[in-house]
C-alpha atoms as a PDB file:
ATOM      1  CA  MET A   1    -217.184 -29.486 170.502  1.00  0.00           C
ATOM      2  CA  SER A   2    -219.743 -27.643 168.374  1.00  0.00           C
ATOM      3  CA  PRO A   3    -219.005 -26.635 164.752  1.00  0.00           C
ATOM      4  CA  LEU A   4    -218.901 -22.971 165.775  1.00  0.00           C
ATOM      5  CA  HIS A   5    -216.399 -23.645 168.560  1.00  0.00           C
ATOM      6  CA  THR A   6    -214.279 -25.728 166.171  1.00  0.00           C
ATOM      7  CA  ALA A   7    -214.332 -22.909 163.626  1.00  0.00           C
ATOM      8  CA  LEU A   8    -213.374 -20.427 166.343  1.00  0.00           C
ATOM      9  CA  GLU A   9    -210.358 -22.539 167.351  1.00  0.00           C
ATOM     10  CA  ARG A  10    -209.208 -22.644 163.735  1.00  0.00           C
ATOM     11  CA  TYR A  11    -209.764 -18.918 163.285  1.00  0.00           C
ATOM     12  CA  MET A  12    -207.792 -18.010 166.404  1.00  0.00           C
ATOM     13  CA  GLY A  13    -205.009 -20.406 165.415  1.00  0.00           C
ATOM     14  CA  MET A  14    -204.763 -18.812 161.979  1.00  0.00           C
ATOM     15  CA  ARG A  15    -204.610 -15.299 163.438  1.00  0.00           C
ATOM     16  CA  ARG A  16    -201.887 -16.317 165.885  1.00  0.00           C
ATOM     17  CA  THR A  17    -199.713 -17.663 163.097  1.00  0.00           C
ATOM     18  CA  LEU A  18    -199.858 -14.130 161.660  1.00  0.00           C
ATOM     19  CA  GLY A  19    -198.421 -12.715 164.897  1.00  0.00           C
ATOM     20  CA  PHE A  20    -201.591 -11.546 166.684  1.00  0.00           C
ATOM     21  CA  LYS A  21    -201.856 -12.182 170.448  1.00  0.00           C
ATOM     22  CA  LEU A  22    -205.675 -11.882 170.611  1.00  0.00           C
ATOM     23  CA  SER A  23    -206.211 -12.631 174.308  1.00  0.00           C
ATOM     24  CA  SER A  24    -209.040 -10.114 174.751  1.00  0.00           C
ATOM     25  CA  GLN A  25    -210.534 -10.821 171.316  1.00  0.00           C
ATOM     26  CA  GLU A  26    -210.590 -14.545 172.031  1.00  0.00           C
ATOM     27  CA  GLN A  27    -212.496 -13.988 175.276  1.00  0.00           C
ATOM     28  CA  LEU A  28    -215.035 -11.826 173.463  1.00  0.00           C
ATOM     29  CA  LEU A  29    -215.587 -14.356 170.687  1.00  0.00           C
ATOM     30  CA  ARG A  30    -215.927 -17.271 173.098  1.00  0.00           C
ATOM     31  CA  ARG A  31    -218.619 -15.352 174.965  1.00  0.00           C
ATOM     32  CA  PHE A  32    -220.324 -14.494 171.679  1.00  0.00           C
ATOM     33  CA  VAL A  33    -220.360 -18.097 170.470  1.00  0.00           C
ATOM     34  CA  ALA A  34    -221.727 -19.271 173.817  1.00  0.00           C
ATOM     35  CA  HIS A  35    -224.374 -16.531 173.667  1.00  0.00           C
ATOM     36  CA  ILE A  36    -225.758 -17.480 170.261  1.00  0.00           C
ATOM     37  CA  GLU A  37    -225.588 -21.230 170.927  1.00  0.00           C
ATOM     38  CA  GLN A  38    -227.575 -20.774 174.143  1.00  0.00           C
ATOM     39  CA  ARG A  39    -230.288 -19.337 171.936  1.00  0.00           C
ATOM     40  CA  GLY A  40    -230.230 -22.347 169.642  1.00  0.00           C
ATOM     41  CA  ASN A  41    -228.457 -20.659 166.744  1.00  0.00           C
ATOM     42  CA  ALA A  42    -225.634 -22.143 164.703  1.00  0.00           C
ATOM     43  CA  ILE A  43    -225.325 -19.383 162.091  1.00  0.00           C
ATOM     44  CA  ILE A  44    -224.092 -15.849 162.714  1.00  0.00           C
ATOM     45  CA  THR A  45    -226.572 -13.153 161.687  1.00  0.00           C
ATOM     46  CA  SER A  46    -226.198  -9.403 161.802  1.00  0.00           C
ATOM     47  CA  LYS A  47    -229.027  -9.098 164.323  1.00  0.00           C
ATOM     48  CA  LEU A  48    -227.466 -11.654 166.685  1.00  0.00           C
ATOM     49  CA  ALA A  49    -224.085  -9.918 166.465  1.00  0.00           C
ATOM     50  CA  ILE A  50    -225.468  -6.412 167.033  1.00  0.00           C
ATOM     51  CA  ASP A  51    -227.699  -7.512 169.898  1.00  0.00           C
ATOM     52  CA  TRP A  52    -224.780  -9.248 171.626  1.00  0.00           C
ATOM     53  CA  ALA A  53    -222.327  -6.404 171.052  1.00  0.00           C
ATOM     54  CA  SER A  54    -224.646  -3.929 172.806  1.00  0.00           C
ATOM     55  CA  LYS A  55    -225.762  -6.285 175.582  1.00  0.00           C
ATOM     56  CA  ASP A  56    -224.481  -5.766 179.147  1.00  0.00           C
ATOM     57  CA  ALA A  57    -221.586  -3.537 178.020  1.00  0.00           C
ATOM     58  CA  SER A  58    -220.794   0.165 177.984  1.00  0.00           C
ATOM     59  CA  PRO A  59    -221.431   1.987 174.676  1.00  0.00           C
ATOM     60  CA  ALA A  60    -217.705   2.728 174.388  1.00  0.00           C
ATOM     61  CA  SER A  61    -217.047  -1.013 173.971  1.00  0.00           C
ATOM     62  CA  TRP A  62    -219.757  -1.708 171.384  1.00  0.00           C
ATOM     63  CA  PRO A  63    -217.695  -0.931 168.236  1.00  0.00           C
ATOM     64  CA  GLY A  64    -214.797  -3.121 169.411  1.00  0.00           C
ATOM     65  CA  ARG A  65    -217.080  -6.029 170.321  1.00  0.00           C
ATOM     66  CA  LEU A  66    -218.810  -5.878 166.943  1.00  0.00           C
ATOM     67  CA  SER A  67    -215.462  -5.575 165.141  1.00  0.00           C
ATOM     68  CA  ALA A  68    -214.292  -8.826 166.743  1.00  0.00           C
ATOM     69  CA  VAL A  69    -217.427 -10.598 165.500  1.00  0.00           C
ATOM     70  CA  ARG A  70    -217.064  -9.093 162.019  1.00  0.00           C
ATOM     71  CA  GLY A  71    -213.609 -10.600 161.628  1.00  0.00           C
ATOM     72  CA  PHE A  72    -214.822 -14.023 162.698  1.00  0.00           C
ATOM     73  CA  ALA A  73    -217.899 -13.749 160.448  1.00  0.00           C
ATOM     74  CA  ARG A  74    -215.751 -12.916 157.408  1.00  0.00           C
ATOM     75  CA  TYR A  75    -213.717 -16.041 158.093  1.00  0.00           C
ATOM     76  CA  LEU A  76    -216.838 -18.215 158.483  1.00  0.00           C
ATOM     77  CA  ALA A  77    -218.489 -16.840 155.362  1.00  0.00           C
ATOM     78  CA  ILE A  78    -215.849 -18.553 153.218  1.00  0.00           C
ATOM     79  CA  THR A  79    -217.219 -21.993 154.109  1.00  0.00           C
ATOM     80  CA  GLU A  80    -220.721 -21.121 155.368  1.00  0.00           C
ATOM     81  CA  PRO A  81    -222.456 -18.798 152.872  1.00  0.00           C
ATOM     82  CA  ARG A  82    -225.432 -18.272 155.202  1.00  0.00           C
ATOM     83  CA  THR A  83    -223.165 -16.310 157.563  1.00  0.00           C
ATOM     84  CA  GLN A  84    -224.039 -12.614 157.700  1.00  0.00           C
ATOM     85  CA  ILE A  85    -221.230 -10.098 158.159  1.00  0.00           C
ATOM     86  CA  PRO A  86    -222.523  -7.259 160.364  1.00  0.00           C
ATOM     87  CA  PRO A  87    -222.131  -3.766 158.868  1.00  0.00           C
ATOM     88  CA  ALA A  88    -219.253  -1.739 160.260  1.00  0.00           C
ATOM     89  CA  SER A  89    -221.189   1.510 160.672  1.00  0.00           C
ATOM     90  CA  VAL A  90    -223.837   0.358 163.153  1.00  0.00           C
ATOM     91  CA  PHE A  91    -222.183   1.988 166.163  1.00  0.00           C
ATOM     92  CA  PRO A  92    -220.334   5.331 166.003  1.00  0.00           C
ATOM     93  CA  GLU A  93    -216.633   4.972 166.642  1.00  0.00           C
ATOM     94  CA  GLN A  94    -215.560   6.231 170.046  1.00  0.00           C
ATOM     95  CA  ARG A  95    -212.971   8.974 169.896  1.00  0.00           C
ATOM     96  CA  ARG A  96    -209.701   8.314 171.652  1.00  0.00           C
ATOM     97  CA  PRO A  97    -209.591  10.260 174.922  1.00  0.00           C
ATOM     98  CA  ALA A  98    -207.258  13.218 174.831  1.00  0.00           C
ATOM     99  CA  PRO A  99    -204.169  12.286 176.856  1.00  0.00           C
ATOM    100  CA  HIS A 100    -203.065  14.275 179.858  1.00  0.00           C
ATOM    101  CA  LEU A 101    -199.630  15.660 179.024  1.00  0.00           C
ATOM    102  CA  TYR A 102    -197.813  15.796 182.335  1.00  0.00           C
ATOM    103  CA  SER A 103    -195.634  18.780 183.098  1.00  0.00           C
ATOM    104  CA  GLU A 104    -192.214  18.110 184.568  1.00  0.00           C
ATOM    105  CA  ALA A 105    -193.480  19.443 187.899  1.00  0.00           C
ATOM    106  CA  GLU A 106    -196.439  17.022 187.848  1.00  0.00           C
ATOM    107  CA  VAL A 107    -194.151  14.059 187.199  1.00  0.00           C
ATOM    108  CA  HIS A 108    -191.976  15.082 190.149  1.00  0.00           C
ATOM    109  CA  LEU A 109    -195.069  15.397 192.368  1.00  0.00           C
ATOM    110  CA  LEU A 110    -196.270  11.982 191.243  1.00  0.00           C
ATOM    111  CA  LEU A 111    -192.906  10.383 191.986  1.00  0.00           C
ATOM    112  CA  ALA A 112    -192.747  12.062 195.390  1.00  0.00           C
ATOM    113  CA  GLY A 113    -196.254  10.820 196.133  1.00  0.00           C
ATOM    114  CA  MET A 114    -195.255   7.248 195.320  1.00  0.00           C
ATOM    115  CA  LEU A 115    -192.250   7.505 197.640  1.00  0.00           C
ATOM    116  CA  ALA A 116    -194.542   8.753 200.424  1.00  0.00           C
ATOM    117  CA  LEU A 117    -196.815   5.693 200.331  1.00  0.00           C
ATOM    118  CA  ALA A 118    -197.268   4.042 203.712  1.00  0.00           C
ATOM    119  CA  PRO A 119    -195.889   2.093 205.460  1.00  0.00           C
ATOM    120  CA  ALA A 120    -192.468   3.722 205.471  1.00  0.00           C
ATOM    121  CA  GLY A 121    -190.429   0.507 205.517  1.00  0.00           C
ATOM    122  CA  ASN A 122    -192.351  -1.178 202.684  1.00  0.00           C
ATOM    123  CA  LEU A 123    -190.589  -1.822 199.369  1.00  0.00           C
ATOM    124  CA  ARG A 124    -193.853  -1.064 197.549  1.00  0.00           C
ATOM    125  CA  ARG A 125    -193.141   2.680 197.539  1.00  0.00           C
ATOM    126  CA  TRP A 126    -189.778   2.134 195.825  1.00  0.00           C
ATOM    127  CA  THR A 127    -191.270  -0.355 193.374  1.00  0.00           C
ATOM    128  CA  TYR A 128    -193.998   2.046 192.263  1.00  0.00           C
ATOM    129  CA  TYR A 129    -191.593   4.993 192.245  1.00  0.00           C
ATOM    130  CA  CYS A 130    -189.283   3.168 189.823  1.00  0.00           C
ATOM    131  CA  ILE A 131    -192.123   1.891 187.620  1.00  0.00           C
ATOM    132  CA  VAL A 132    -193.673   5.356 187.234  1.00  0.00           C
ATOM    133  CA  GLY A 133    -190.252   6.893 186.621  1.00  0.00           C
ATOM    134  CA  LEU A 134    -189.460   4.269 183.998  1.00  0.00           C
ATOM    135  CA  LEU A 135    -192.728   4.962 182.161  1.00  0.00           C
ATOM    136  CA  ALA A 136    -191.961   8.674 182.140  1.00  0.00           C
ATOM    137  CA  VAL A 137    -188.416   8.397 180.743  1.00  0.00           C
ATOM    138  CA  THR A 138    -188.894   5.524 178.265  1.00  0.00           C
ATOM    139  CA  GLY A 139    -192.511   5.735 177.090  1.00  0.00           C
ATOM    140  CA  MET A 140    -192.985   2.039 177.850  1.00  0.00           C
ATOM    141  CA  ARG A 141    -196.472   0.621 178.279  1.00  0.00           C
ATOM    142  CA  ILE A 142    -197.360  -0.171 181.883  1.00  0.00           C
ATOM    143  CA  GLY A 143    -197.874  -3.838 181.001  1.00  0.00           C
ATOM    144  CA  GLU A 144    -194.397  -3.989 179.479  1.00  0.00           C
ATOM    145  CA  ALA A 145    -192.839  -2.628 182.664  1.00  0.00           C
ATOM    146  CA  LEU A 146    -194.746  -5.067 184.876  1.00  0.00           C
ATOM    147  CA  ARG A 147    -193.729  -8.035 182.690  1.00  0.00           C
ATOM    148  CA  LEU A 148    -190.000  -7.284 182.848  1.00  0.00           C
ATOM    149  CA  ASP A 149    -187.982 -10.228 184.143  1.00  0.00           C
ATOM    150  CA  ARG A 150    -184.558  -9.876 185.700  1.00  0.00           C
ATOM    151  CA  ASP A 151    -182.969 -11.361 182.582  1.00  0.00           C
ATOM    152  CA  ASP A 152    -184.641  -8.593 180.536  1.00  0.00           C
ATOM    153  CA  VAL A 153    -182.856  -5.818 182.454  1.00  0.00           C
ATOM    154  CA  ASP A 154    -179.182  -5.455 181.493  1.00  0.00           C
ATOM    155  CA  LEU A 155    -177.913  -2.689 183.751  1.00  0.00           C
ATOM    156  CA  ASP A 156    -174.309  -3.201 182.651  1.00  0.00           C
ATOM    157  CA  GLN A 157    -175.214  -2.331 179.071  1.00  0.00           C
ATOM    158  CA  GLY A 158    -178.095   0.000 179.945  1.00  0.00           C
ATOM    159  CA  LEU A 159    -180.654  -1.991 177.953  1.00  0.00           C
ATOM    160  CA  LEU A 160    -184.152  -3.334 178.526  1.00  0.00           C
ATOM    161  CA  VAL A 161    -185.565  -6.196 176.458  1.00  0.00           C
ATOM    162  CA  ILE A 162    -189.318  -5.943 175.838  1.00  0.00           C
ATOM    163  CA  ARG A 163    -190.572  -9.373 174.814  1.00  0.00           C
ATOM    164  CA  ASP A 164    -193.736 -10.271 172.891  1.00  0.00           C
ATOM    165  CA  SER A 165    -195.515  -7.029 173.574  1.00  0.00           C
ATOM    166  CA  LYS A 166    -198.480  -5.581 171.685  1.00  0.00           C
ATOM    167  CA  PHE A 167    -198.738  -6.823 168.072  1.00  0.00           C
ATOM    168  CA  GLY A 168    -196.383  -9.678 169.058  1.00  0.00           C
ATOM    169  CA  LYS A 169    -193.375  -7.374 168.787  1.00  0.00           C
ATOM    170  CA  SER A 170    -190.159  -7.513 170.806  1.00  0.00           C
ATOM    171  CA  ARG A 171    -187.648  -4.694 171.011  1.00  0.00           C
ATOM    172  CA  ILE A 172    -184.593  -3.380 172.855  1.00  0.00           C
ATOM    173  CA  VAL A 173    -184.931  -0.106 174.783  1.00  0.00           C
ATOM    174  CA  PRO A 174    -181.719   1.755 175.744  1.00  0.00           C
ATOM    175  CA  ILE A 175    -181.908   3.678 179.021  1.00  0.00           C
ATOM    176  CA  HIS A 176    -180.040   6.714 180.351  1.00  0.00           C
ATOM    177  CA  PRO A 177    -177.258   6.235 182.968  1.00  0.00           C
ATOM    178  CA  SER A 178    -179.428   8.040 185.545  1.00  0.00           C
ATOM    179  CA  THR A 179    -182.177   5.478 184.928  1.00  0.00           C
ATOM    180  CA  VAL A 180    -179.631   2.682 185.246  1.00  0.00           C
ATOM    181  CA  ALA A 181    -178.550   4.091 188.621  1.00  0.00           C
ATOM    182  CA  ALA A 182    -182.155   4.267 189.871  1.00  0.00           C
ATOM    183  CA  LEU A 183    -182.836   0.666 188.802  1.00  0.00           C
ATOM    184  CA  GLU A 184    -179.580  -0.522 190.410  1.00  0.00           C
ATOM    185  CA  GLU A 185    -180.626   1.088 193.675  1.00  0.00           C
ATOM    186  CA  TYR A 186    -184.047  -0.529 193.425  1.00  0.00           C
ATOM    187  CA  ALA A 187    -182.545  -3.961 192.701  1.00  0.00           C
ATOM    188  CA  ALA A 188    -180.304  -3.638 195.780  1.00  0.00           C
ATOM    189  CA  ARG A 189    -183.305  -2.738 197.960  1.00  0.00           C
ATOM    190  CA  ARG A 190    -185.357  -5.577 196.456  1.00  0.00           C
ATOM    191  CA  ASN A 191    -182.612  -8.136 197.013  1.00  0.00           C
ATOM    192  CA  GLY A 192    -182.371  -7.044 200.631  1.00  0.00           C
ATOM    193  CA  HIS A 193    -185.869  -8.427 201.246  1.00  0.00           C
ATOM    194  CA  PRO A 194    -185.748 -12.229 201.742  1.00  0.00           C
ATOM    195  CA  SER A 195    -189.160 -12.768 200.144  1.00  0.00           C
ATOM    196  CA  ARG A 196    -188.185 -10.786 197.056  1.00  0.00           C
ATOM    197  CA  SER A 197    -184.538 -11.646 196.477  1.00  0.00           C
ATOM    198  CA  ALA A 198    -185.322 -14.619 194.239  1.00  0.00           C
ATOM    199  CA  GLY A 199    -187.749 -15.195 191.376  1.00  0.00           C
ATOM    200  CA  ARG A 200    -188.050 -14.007 187.803  1.00  0.00           C
ATOM    201  CA  PRO A 201    -189.834 -10.614 187.968  1.00  0.00           C
ATOM    202  CA  PHE A 202    -187.668  -7.505 188.103  1.00  0.00           C
ATOM    203  CA  PHE A 203    -190.381  -5.475 189.852  1.00  0.00           C
ATOM    204  CA  THR A 204    -191.839  -7.575 192.649  1.00  0.00           C
ATOM    205  CA  GLY A 205    -195.060  -7.518 194.632  1.00  0.00           C
ATOM    206  CA  GLU A 206    -195.527  -8.104 198.339  1.00  0.00           C
ATOM    207  CA  ARG A 207    -194.686 -11.824 198.230  1.00  0.00           C
ATOM    208  CA  GLY A 208    -192.029 -11.735 195.556  1.00  0.00           C
ATOM    209  CA  GLY A 209    -194.385 -12.322 192.620  1.00  0.00           C
ATOM    210  CA  ARG A 210    -195.170  -9.992 189.787  1.00  0.00           C
ATOM    211  CA  VAL A 211    -196.770  -6.595 190.503  1.00  0.00           C
ATOM    212  CA  HIS A 212    -200.495  -6.594 189.673  1.00  0.00           C
ATOM    213  CA  TYR A 213    -201.746  -3.728 187.549  1.00  0.00           C
ATOM    214  CA  ARG A 214    -204.839  -3.184 189.705  1.00  0.00           C
ATOM    215  CA  ASN A 215    -202.634  -2.568 192.772  1.00  0.00           C
ATOM    216  CA  ILE A 216    -200.385   0.055 191.232  1.00  0.00           C
ATOM    217  CA  ALA A 217    -203.389   1.624 189.454  1.00  0.00           C
ATOM    218  CA  ALA A 218    -205.212   2.003 192.783  1.00  0.00           C
ATOM    219  CA  ASP A 219    -202.225   3.707 194.431  1.00  0.00           C
ATOM    220  CA  PHE A 220    -201.732   5.865 191.333  1.00  0.00           C
ATOM    221  CA  ARG A 221    -205.327   7.110 191.612  1.00  0.00           C
ATOM    222  CA  ALA A 222    -204.898   7.787 195.332  1.00  0.00           C
ATOM    223  CA  VAL A 223    -201.686   9.748 194.795  1.00  0.00           C
ATOM    224  CA  SER A 224    -203.267  11.634 191.857  1.00  0.00           C
ATOM    225  CA  LEU A 225    -206.075  12.780 194.140  1.00  0.00           C
ATOM    226  CA  GLN A 226    -203.635  13.723 196.886  1.00  0.00           C
ATOM    227  CA  ILE A 227    -201.478  15.944 194.672  1.00  0.00           C
ATOM    228  CA  GLY A 228    -204.425  17.520 192.819  1.00  0.00           C
ATOM    229  CA  LEU A 229    -204.006  15.790 189.441  1.00  0.00           C
ATOM    230  CA  ARG A 230    -207.476  14.246 189.698  1.00  0.00           C
ATOM    231  CA  PRO A 231    -210.413  16.193 191.184  1.00  0.00           C
ATOM    232  CA  HIS A 232    -212.307  14.467 193.989  1.00  0.00           C
ATOM    233  CA  GLY A 233    -215.378  12.692 192.656  1.00  0.00           C
ATOM    234  CA  ALA A 234    -214.143  12.689 189.044  1.00  0.00           C
ATOM    235  CA  ARG A 235    -214.704   9.437 187.171  1.00  0.00           C
ATOM    236  CA  THR A 236    -211.850  10.104 184.772  1.00  0.00           C
ATOM    237  CA  GLY A 237    -208.478  11.780 184.992  1.00  0.00           C
ATOM    238  CA  PRO A 238    -204.808  11.370 184.122  1.00  0.00           C
ATOM    239  CA  ARG A 239    -203.759   7.777 183.503  1.00  0.00           C
ATOM    240  CA  LEU A 240    -200.538   5.842 183.888  1.00  0.00           C
ATOM    241  CA  HIS A 241    -200.659   5.319 180.124  1.00  0.00           C
ATOM    242  CA  ASP A 242    -200.544   9.096 179.619  1.00  0.00           C
ATOM    243  CA  LEU A 243    -196.901   9.035 180.714  1.00  0.00           C
ATOM    244  CA  ARG A 244    -196.227   7.220 177.441  1.00  0.00           C
ATOM    245  CA  HIS A 245    -197.985   9.983 175.516  1.00  0.00           C
ATOM    246  CA  GLY A 246    -195.964  12.584 177.385  1.00  0.00           C
ATOM    247  CA  PHE A 247    -192.688  10.902 176.451  1.00  0.00           C
ATOM    248  CA  ALA A 248    -193.646  10.739 172.764  1.00  0.00           C
ATOM    249  CA  VAL A 249    -194.815  14.359 172.633  1.00  0.00           C
ATOM    250  CA  ALA A 250    -191.715  15.637 174.457  1.00  0.00           C
ATOM    251  CA  THR A 251    -189.485  13.729 172.021  1.00  0.00           C
ATOM    252  CA  LEU A 252    -191.272  15.160 168.983  1.00  0.00           C
ATOM    253  CA  LEU A 253    -191.184  18.685 170.397  1.00  0.00           C
ATOM    254  CA  HIS A 254    -187.444  18.360 171.045  1.00  0.00           C
ATOM    255  CA  TRP A 255    -186.878  17.283 167.454  1.00  0.00           C
ATOM    256  CA  TYR A 256    -188.939  20.133 166.049  1.00  0.00           C
ATOM    257  CA  ARG A 257    -187.181  22.746 168.201  1.00  0.00           C
ATOM    258  CA  ALA A 258    -183.794  21.315 167.219  1.00  0.00           C
ATOM    259  CA  ASP A 259    -184.853  21.595 163.550  1.00  0.00           C
ATOM    260  CA  LYS A 260    -184.520  17.842 163.022  1.00  0.00           C
ATOM    261  CA  ASP A 261    -186.162  16.070 160.076  1.00  0.00           C
ATOM    262  CA  VAL A 262    -189.155  14.741 162.005  1.00  0.00           C
ATOM    263  CA  ASP A 263    -190.562  12.802 159.023  1.00  0.00           C
ATOM    264  CA  GLN A 264    -187.298  10.855 158.815  1.00  0.00           C
ATOM    265  CA  LEU A 265    -187.104  10.300 162.584  1.00  0.00           C
ATOM    266  CA  LEU A 266    -190.725   9.225 163.161  1.00  0.00           C
ATOM    267  CA  PRO A 267    -190.031   5.585 162.185  1.00  0.00           C
ATOM    268  CA  VAL A 268    -187.248   5.581 164.803  1.00  0.00           C
ATOM    269  CA  LEU A 269    -189.666   6.750 167.499  1.00  0.00           C
ATOM    270  CA  SER A 270    -192.293   4.287 166.256  1.00  0.00           C
ATOM    271  CA  THR A 271    -189.830   1.400 166.634  1.00  0.00           C
ATOM    272  CA  TYR A 272    -188.680   2.620 170.056  1.00  0.00           C
ATOM    273  CA  LEU A 273    -192.276   2.778 171.303  1.00  0.00           C
ATOM    274  CA  GLY A 274    -193.215  -0.580 169.783  1.00  0.00           C
ATOM    275  CA  HIS A 275    -195.989   0.789 167.583  1.00  0.00           C
ATOM    276  CA  GLY A 276    -197.541  -1.449 164.968  1.00  0.00           C
ATOM    277  CA  CYS A 277    -197.046   1.178 162.263  1.00  0.00           C
ATOM    278  CA  VAL A 278    -195.833   4.752 161.909  1.00  0.00           C
ATOM    279  CA  ARG A 279    -199.462   5.932 161.576  1.00  0.00           C
ATOM    280  CA  ASP A 280    -199.949   5.249 165.289  1.00  0.00           C
ATOM    281  CA  THR A 281    -197.026   7.550 166.068  1.00  0.00           C
ATOM    282  CA  TYR A 282    -198.393  10.313 163.843  1.00  0.00           C
ATOM    283  CA  TRP A 283    -201.435  10.435 166.144  1.00  0.00           C
ATOM    284  CA  TYR A 284    -199.336  12.253 168.736  1.00  0.00           C
ATOM    285  CA  LEU A 285    -199.038  15.205 166.351  1.00  0.00           C
ATOM    286  CA  SER A 286    -202.807  15.741 166.470  1.00  0.00           C
ATOM    287  CA  ALA A 287    -203.021  15.049 170.226  1.00  0.00           C
ATOM    288  CA  CYS A 288    -200.915  18.075 171.198  1.00  0.00           C
ATOM    289  CA  PRO A 289    -201.761  21.622 170.010  1.00  0.00           C
ATOM    290  CA  GLU A 290    -198.148  22.715 170.487  1.00  0.00           C
ATOM    291  CA  LEU A 291    -196.961  19.947 168.178  1.00  0.00           C
ATOM    292  CA  MET A 292    -199.578  20.920 165.606  1.00  0.00           C
ATOM    293  CA  GLY A 293    -198.275  24.477 165.829  1.00  0.00           C
ATOM    294  CA  GLU A 294    -194.684  23.355 165.290  1.00  0.00           C
ATOM    295  CA  ALA A 295    -195.732  21.247 162.293  1.00  0.00           C
ATOM    296  CA  ALA A 296    -197.739  24.151 160.847  1.00  0.00           C
ATOM    297  CA  ARG A 297    -194.851  26.592 161.256  1.00  0.00           C
ATOM    298  CA  ARG A 298    -192.478  24.211 159.496  1.00  0.00           C
ATOM    299  CA  LEU A 299    -194.968  23.696 156.653  1.00  0.00           C
ATOM    300  CA  GLU A 300    -195.399  27.476 156.267  1.00  0.00           C
ATOM    301  CA  ALA A 301    -191.624  27.889 156.099  1.00  0.00           C
ATOM    302  CA  ARG A 302    -191.449  25.289 153.303  1.00  0.00           C
ATOM    303  CA  TRP A 303    -194.176  27.085 151.350  1.00  0.00           C
ATOM    304  CA  GLU A 304    -192.338  30.393 151.708  1.00  0.00           C
ATOM    305  CA  THR A 305    -189.148  28.764 150.407  1.00  0.00           C
ATOM    306  CA  LEU A 306    -190.958  27.239 147.439  1.00  0.00           C
ATOM    307  CA  SER A 307    -192.685  30.502 146.583  1.00  0.00           C
END
């Protein structure tokens, strides 16, 4: 193993002990190390890092690719002073896409579209119906829903256990009795299929294994086109992940309208959603004009009281 590969193994091991999962970052750095070694280099330079980050990749990914190399370079520079740490401002940061905030009617159309998937007797339609519904009412990440095992779903207590999710966090998500009833019905349908009655996953694919993201994403796009959520020919449109945004925004709006202390409750929502820090939850305030309006009105009321 080359010195660079050895250093990479140590770097990734150190980061994992701090709770980072790093699966995508590790793949990027392995490709980067292979790239520079193929060119006969053993030392990281800014030019090598920048050239690699912008090679055979979309511009939207350039800042993230370079950021991964910067972290590794900072680590290497401690023991190899010839290492150059690429500047952070080479590529402009890509703005987060504005989420699509689903209306209640759109969610109902989406759920109905999932239930209408052919063929009629296939469990797939019920699987996708329950997954999309669960995202809408809990704000879970799609990956968290797909990774649920049967032992993670306690329908007697109305609790879901999310294990080792983003940032290495685990959490317990309480669910409404109506959600419990929907999941109980799904489990009964699932257990009625011989190929799906056993195994660990709660939501099962065609052969009883775990549901693949690419499969549900493809049917989601098809249903979105069918119900008019995504224009024909459009390269972008509403995403499954936007259901998470919708849940967070609806929760914040409910708190504002009920005159709750949102600043005090934000850490609760942050924990429920599994965010790494409360700052990530604050982003939803700027993502929704109506929320910004509610926040502004409350701030104006405070100023009037103080004056």
